[in-house]
Amino acid sequence: MDLTTGRLAEPQEVADVIVLPASPRSGSSTGAEFAVDSGYVKAV
């Protein structure tokens, strides 16, 4: 397995990304795409 970070994502890290769009901290966001893959996908 060749990951940029050298480790797999923890469940809490995935949960943080799921909760972020619903939080007040992303009030100005109109759309986003997040990849929680520990750097597995090297393309944007």
C-alpha atoms as a PDB file:
ATOM      1  CA  MET A   1       0.000   0.000   0.000  1.00  0.00           C
ATOM      2  CA  ASP A   2       1.532   3.320  -1.062  1.00  0.00           C
ATOM      3  CA  LEU A   3      -0.115   6.148   0.858  1.00  0.00           C
ATOM      4  CA  THR A   4       1.217   9.711   0.957  1.00  0.00           C
ATOM      5  CA  THR A   5       0.602   9.973   4.700  1.00  0.00           C
ATOM      6  CA  GLY A   6       1.933   6.495   5.398  1.00  0.00           C
ATOM      7  CA  ARG A   7      -1.175   5.492   7.369  1.00  0.00           C
ATOM      8  CA  LEU A   8      -4.887   4.895   6.971  1.00  0.00           C
ATOM      9  CA  ALA A   9      -7.390   7.543   8.044  1.00  0.00           C
ATOM     10  CA  GLU A  10      -8.867   7.150  11.516  1.00  0.00           C
ATOM     11  CA  PRO A  11     -12.673   6.913  11.826  1.00  0.00           C
ATOM     12  CA  GLN A  12     -12.750  10.253  13.696  1.00  0.00           C
ATOM     13  CA  GLU A  13     -11.025  11.952  10.742  1.00  0.00           C
ATOM     14  CA  VAL A  14     -13.727  10.687   8.385  1.00  0.00           C
ATOM     15  CA  ALA A  15     -16.455  11.787  10.818  1.00  0.00           C
ATOM     16  CA  ASP A  16     -14.917  15.277  11.049  1.00  0.00           C
ATOM     17  CA  VAL A  17     -15.199  15.696   7.267  1.00  0.00           C
ATOM     18  CA  ILE A  18     -18.812  14.502   7.290  1.00  0.00           C
ATOM     19  CA  VAL A  19     -19.820  16.930  10.072  1.00  0.00           C
ATOM     20  CA  LEU A  20     -17.929  19.964   8.714  1.00  0.00           C
ATOM     21  CA  PRO A  21     -20.483  20.992   6.016  1.00  0.00           C
ATOM     22  CA  ALA A  22     -23.271  21.057   8.617  1.00  0.00           C
ATOM     23  CA  SER A  23     -21.327  23.153  11.106  1.00  0.00           C
ATOM     24  CA  PRO A  24     -21.369  26.949  11.494  1.00  0.00           C
ATOM     25  CA  ARG A  25     -17.658  26.990  10.581  1.00  0.00           C
ATOM     26  CA  SER A  26     -18.531  26.384   6.912  1.00  0.00           C
ATOM     27  CA  GLY A  27     -21.193  29.089   6.629  1.00  0.00           C
ATOM     28  CA  SER A  28     -19.646  30.582   3.473  1.00  0.00           C
ATOM     29  CA  SER A  29     -19.169  27.268   1.675  1.00  0.00           C
ATOM     30  CA  THR A  30     -21.412  26.659  -1.301  1.00  0.00           C
ATOM     31  CA  GLY A  31     -19.992  23.326  -2.383  1.00  0.00           C
ATOM     32  CA  ALA A  32     -16.962  21.155  -1.881  1.00  0.00           C
ATOM     33  CA  GLU A  33     -15.556  17.725  -2.540  1.00  0.00           C
ATOM     34  CA  PHE A  34     -13.410  16.030   0.083  1.00  0.00           C
ATOM     35  CA  ALA A  35     -11.259  12.947  -0.368  1.00  0.00           C
ATOM     36  CA  VAL A  36     -10.423  11.202   2.899  1.00  0.00           C
ATOM     37  CA  ASP A  37      -8.092   8.653   1.362  1.00  0.00           C
ATOM     38  CA  SER A  38      -4.736   9.246   3.092  1.00  0.00           C
ATOM     39  CA  GLY A  39      -3.318  10.558  -0.173  1.00  0.00           C
ATOM     40  CA  TYR A  40      -4.119   7.389  -2.157  1.00  0.00           C
ATOM     41  CA  VAL A  41      -5.505   9.376  -5.120  1.00  0.00           C
ATOM     42  CA  LYS A  42      -2.699  11.542  -6.455  1.00  0.00           C
ATOM     43  CA  ALA A  43      -4.776  13.616  -8.926  1.00  0.00           C
ATOM     44  CA  VAL A  44      -7.023  16.603  -8.300  1.00  0.00           C
END
